[in-house]
Amino acid sequence: MDELTERGAIRAVFEDLGGYGALAPQQGSGSEGPLVGHLQRTNIQLAAISVFARKGLEQVTVNDLLEAAQVSRRTFYKYFANKMDVLEGIYQTSVQLLLARFRQMQQVAGSPQAWLRAMVGLFFDYHLAVGPIIRLMQEEALRADSPLAAHRQRAHQEMLRLVVERLEPELTPRDPLVYQALIWALEAASLDLLGRSASREQIEQAKAVLGDLLIASLCPGST
């Protein structure tokens, strides 16, 4: 996949998850207006994704990001302190969009089992569509001293809360560690699939197996 195609695919996934509309309400006001600032930040992040995916965190420079986003150094430093700040913003945006879609799915999925399968499917489709950048960010977020680690922990807490909200009115409550262990399983499976460039068949198998695991653990006795 060439760089232009890759960036187009990333933008398509971003927009499918809710894109600008999902994040704009979270932006504060600024001298240039909240929407303009939001779009500038988002466009720098989107342009940076393919750069990080291609070169890796250590090799990327701020100049690489300026060139990819076609912005001045002054504009870049208006929104970001350094390249890690950009990566942190990408990770935070990714988490916010994915959690927003999970919340939307709560309203439309039928049974708890259907919601769990839909959530697992979206989780893997999103991670594998965007590809190397997700793997890079997941590995970075596992480092305790990384700025991404706190966002990972908050994402896990929010996923746990969403699962409890959706399932416990209808099903027997579980120990919170059960939910956490299942989230870890999803995360580990995603890293494994990304690390070995899994085929579509392997991805679909993982979605089915992880869906079965969540349903067996959280909805015992269901068919």
Protein backbone atom coordinates (compact mmCIF):
# COMPACT_ATOMS: atom_id res chain seq x y z
CA MET A 1 0.00 0.00 0.00
CA ASP A 2 1.56 3.34 -1.00
CA GLU A 3 1.51 6.38 1.28
CA LEU A 4 -1.45 8.14 -0.36
CA THR A 5 -3.54 4.97 -0.34
CA GLU A 6 -2.58 4.32 3.27
CA ARG A 7 -3.56 7.82 4.36
CA GLY A 8 -6.86 7.50 2.51
CA ALA A 9 -7.60 4.21 4.27
CA ILE A 10 -6.77 5.72 7.66
CA ARG A 11 -9.03 8.71 6.99
CA ALA A 12 -11.85 6.38 5.90
CA VAL A 13 -11.58 4.39 9.13
CA PHE A 14 -11.44 7.62 11.15
CA GLU A 15 -14.56 8.96 9.49
CA ASP A 16 -16.38 5.61 9.80
CA LEU A 17 -15.84 5.78 13.55
CA GLY A 18 -17.39 9.24 13.77
CA GLY A 19 -14.46 11.44 12.79
CA TYR A 20 -14.58 15.17 13.23
CA GLY A 21 -18.18 15.20 14.35
CA ALA A 22 -17.51 12.81 17.22
CA LEU A 23 -14.64 14.87 18.60
CA ALA A 24 -15.59 18.48 17.86
CA PRO A 25 -17.89 18.87 20.91
CA GLN A 26 -14.95 17.96 23.16
CA GLN A 27 -12.82 20.89 21.97
CA GLY A 28 -12.66 24.04 24.04
CA SER A 29 -12.90 27.55 22.69
CA GLY A 30 -9.85 29.33 21.32
CA SER A 31 -8.92 32.63 19.75
CA GLU A 32 -9.29 31.20 16.26
CA GLY A 33 -12.52 29.38 17.07
CA PRO A 34 -12.79 25.83 18.38
CA LEU A 35 -13.56 24.19 15.03
CA VAL A 36 -10.53 25.62 13.22
CA GLY A 37 -8.20 24.58 16.02
CA HIS A 38 -9.79 21.15 16.18
CA LEU A 39 -9.37 20.60 12.44
CA GLN A 40 -5.73 21.73 12.51
CA ARG A 41 -4.89 19.35 15.36
CA THR A 42 -6.76 16.49 13.72
CA ASN A 43 -5.16 17.02 10.31
CA ILE A 44 -1.67 16.98 11.86
CA GLN A 45 -2.54 13.76 13.68
CA LEU A 46 -3.94 12.11 10.56
CA ALA A 47 -0.89 13.05 8.51
CA ALA A 48 1.42 11.77 11.25
CA ILE A 49 -0.17 8.31 11.39
CA SER A 50 1.41 7.00 8.22
CA VAL A 51 4.77 8.57 9.17
CA PHE A 52 4.85 6.80 12.54
CA ALA A 53 3.67 3.56 10.92
CA ARG A 54 6.43 3.69 8.29
CA LYS A 55 9.40 4.92 10.32
CA GLY A 56 8.64 3.94 13.92
CA LEU A 57 8.60 6.22 16.93
CA GLU A 58 12.36 6.47 17.41
CA GLN A 59 13.15 7.44 13.81
CA VAL A 60 10.40 10.03 13.30
CA THR A 61 11.38 13.70 13.61
CA VAL A 62 9.27 16.81 13.95
CA ASN A 63 10.45 17.79 10.46
CA ASP A 64 8.92 14.57 9.12
CA LEU A 65 5.59 15.53 10.70
CA LEU A 66 5.75 19.09 9.37
CA GLU A 67 6.33 17.82 5.85
CA ALA A 68 3.56 15.21 6.05
CA ALA A 69 0.99 17.70 7.39
CA GLN A 70 2.24 20.59 5.24
CA VAL A 71 2.17 23.01 8.16
CA SER A 72 4.70 25.47 9.49
CA ARG A 73 6.79 24.83 12.58
CA ARG A 74 4.93 27.65 14.31
CA THR A 75 1.57 26.00 13.60
CA PHE A 76 2.84 22.62 14.79
CA TYR A 77 4.10 23.96 18.11
CA LYS A 78 0.86 25.83 18.64
CA TYR A 79 -0.84 22.46 19.15
CA PHE A 80 1.90 19.98 20.09
CA ALA A 81 5.01 20.10 22.25
CA ASN A 82 6.90 17.32 20.44
CA LYS A 83 6.41 14.13 18.42
CA MET A 84 5.36 12.13 21.50
CA ASP A 85 2.63 14.68 22.12
CA VAL A 86 1.33 13.98 18.60
CA LEU A 87 1.38 10.21 19.17
CA GLU A 88 -0.41 10.67 22.48
CA GLY A 89 -3.06 12.75 20.70
CA ILE A 90 -3.51 10.07 18.03
CA TYR A 91 -3.88 7.38 20.69
CA GLN A 92 -6.35 9.44 22.72
CA THR A 93 -8.38 10.23 19.60
CA SER A 94 -8.42 6.57 18.57
CA VAL A 95 -9.64 5.50 22.00
CA GLN A 96 -12.32 8.20 22.12
CA LEU A 97 -13.69 7.28 18.71
CA LEU A 98 -13.75 3.55 19.40
CA LEU A 99 -15.46 4.02 22.77
CA ALA A 100 -17.98 6.38 21.15
CA ARG A 101 -18.89 3.66 18.65
CA PHE A 102 -19.22 1.10 21.45
CA ARG A 103 -21.64 3.45 23.21
CA GLN A 104 -23.67 3.90 20.01
CA MET A 105 -23.83 0.14 19.57
CA GLN A 106 -25.37 -0.20 23.03
CA GLN A 107 -28.50 1.45 21.67
CA VAL A 108 -28.90 -0.64 18.52
CA ALA A 109 -27.60 -4.14 19.32
CA GLY A 110 -30.35 -6.51 20.41
CA SER A 111 -29.36 -9.09 23.01
CA PRO A 112 -26.29 -8.85 25.25
CA GLN A 113 -24.77 -11.62 23.15
CA ALA A 114 -25.32 -9.67 19.93
CA TRP A 115 -23.73 -6.58 21.46
CA LEU A 116 -20.67 -8.53 22.64
CA ARG A 117 -20.13 -10.04 19.19
CA ALA A 118 -20.59 -6.66 17.50
CA MET A 119 -18.15 -5.03 19.92
CA VAL A 120 -15.50 -7.72 19.34
CA GLY A 121 -15.96 -7.44 15.59
CA LEU A 122 -15.54 -3.66 15.60
CA PHE A 123 -12.52 -3.87 17.91
CA PHE A 124 -10.61 -6.17 15.54
CA ASP A 125 -11.82 -4.51 12.33
CA TYR A 126 -10.66 -1.10 13.55
CA HIS A 127 -7.29 -2.28 14.84
CA LEU A 128 -6.49 -4.30 11.75
CA ALA A 129 -7.74 -1.71 9.25
CA VAL A 130 -5.39 0.93 10.63
CA GLY A 131 -2.65 -1.65 11.18
CA PRO A 132 0.95 -0.80 12.17
CA ILE A 133 0.16 2.46 13.96
CA ILE A 134 -2.20 0.62 16.32
CA ARG A 135 0.49 -1.95 17.09
CA LEU A 136 3.04 0.81 17.72
CA MET A 137 0.68 2.65 20.07
CA GLN A 138 -0.41 -0.49 21.91
CA GLU A 139 3.18 -1.51 22.54
CA GLU A 140 4.05 2.03 23.68
CA ALA A 141 0.98 2.15 25.97
CA LEU A 142 2.12 -1.04 27.72
CA ARG A 143 5.21 0.79 28.97
CA ALA A 144 4.47 2.06 32.48
CA ASP A 145 6.49 5.26 31.96
CA SER A 146 4.81 6.18 28.67
CA PRO A 147 2.31 9.08 28.44
CA LEU A 148 0.04 6.63 26.61
CA ALA A 149 -0.19 4.28 29.61
CA ALA A 150 -2.66 6.47 31.50
CA HIS A 151 -4.93 6.70 28.43
CA ARG A 152 -4.85 2.89 28.12
CA GLN A 153 -5.90 2.49 31.75
CA ARG A 154 -8.75 4.99 31.33
CA ALA A 155 -9.86 3.21 28.15
CA HIS A 156 -9.98 -0.10 30.01
CA GLN A 157 -12.03 1.49 32.80
CA GLU A 158 -14.48 2.95 30.30
CA MET A 159 -14.82 -0.37 28.44
CA LEU A 160 -15.46 -2.11 31.76
CA ARG A 161 -18.12 0.46 32.64
CA LEU A 162 -19.83 0.04 29.26
CA VAL A 163 -19.89 -3.74 29.61
CA VAL A 164 -21.33 -3.51 33.13
CA GLU A 165 -23.99 -1.00 32.01
CA ARG A 166 -25.05 -3.20 29.10
CA LEU A 167 -24.98 -6.62 30.75
CA GLU A 168 -25.66 -6.39 34.46
CA PRO A 169 -29.27 -5.17 34.24
CA GLU A 170 -30.05 -8.49 32.52
CA LEU A 171 -27.31 -10.86 33.70
CA THR A 172 -25.63 -11.91 36.93
CA PRO A 173 -22.95 -9.39 37.97
CA ARG A 174 -19.34 -10.55 37.68
CA ASP A 175 -16.18 -9.76 39.58
CA PRO A 176 -14.61 -6.70 37.89
CA LEU A 177 -11.43 -8.71 37.35
CA VAL A 178 -13.38 -11.01 34.99
CA TYR A 179 -14.20 -8.05 32.75
CA GLN A 180 -10.63 -6.76 32.97
CA ALA A 181 -9.18 -10.16 32.02
CA LEU A 182 -11.42 -10.30 28.95
CA ILE A 183 -10.28 -6.82 27.89
CA TRP A 184 -6.67 -7.99 28.27
CA ALA A 185 -7.49 -11.00 26.09
CA LEU A 186 -8.83 -8.75 23.32
CA GLU A 187 -5.77 -6.52 23.52
CA ALA A 188 -3.30 -9.44 23.49
CA ALA A 189 -5.06 -11.10 20.55
CA SER A 190 -4.96 -7.85 18.59
CA LEU A 191 -1.22 -7.46 19.18
CA ASP A 192 -0.62 -11.06 18.13
CA LEU A 193 -2.60 -10.69 14.90
CA LEU A 194 -0.88 -7.41 14.05
CA GLY A 195 2.54 -8.81 14.88
CA ARG A 196 2.25 -11.73 12.48
CA SER A 197 0.33 -9.95 9.71
CA ALA A 198 -2.59 -12.34 10.08
CA SER A 199 -4.75 -13.25 7.10
CA ARG A 200 -8.40 -12.26 6.84
CA GLU A 201 -9.34 -15.87 7.61
CA GLN A 202 -7.27 -15.80 10.80
CA ILE A 203 -8.80 -12.47 11.79
CA GLU A 204 -12.32 -13.79 11.33
CA GLN A 205 -11.44 -16.88 13.35
CA ALA A 206 -10.09 -14.69 16.16
CA LYS A 207 -13.27 -12.59 16.15
CA ALA A 208 -15.41 -15.73 16.41
CA VAL A 209 -13.29 -17.29 19.17
CA LEU A 210 -13.04 -14.10 21.24
CA GLY A 211 -16.77 -13.50 20.78
CA ASP A 212 -17.45 -17.04 22.01
CA LEU A 213 -15.11 -16.46 24.97
CA LEU A 214 -16.84 -13.25 26.07
CA ILE A 215 -20.30 -14.80 25.71
CA ALA A 216 -19.34 -18.00 27.56
CA SER A 217 -17.77 -15.94 30.37
CA LEU A 218 -20.45 -13.29 30.71
CA CYS A 219 -23.63 -14.92 29.39
CA PRO A 220 -23.45 -18.55 30.57
CA GLY A 221 -26.22 -20.79 29.33
CA SER A 222 -26.89 -18.67 26.23
CA THR A 223 -26.95 -20.20 22.77
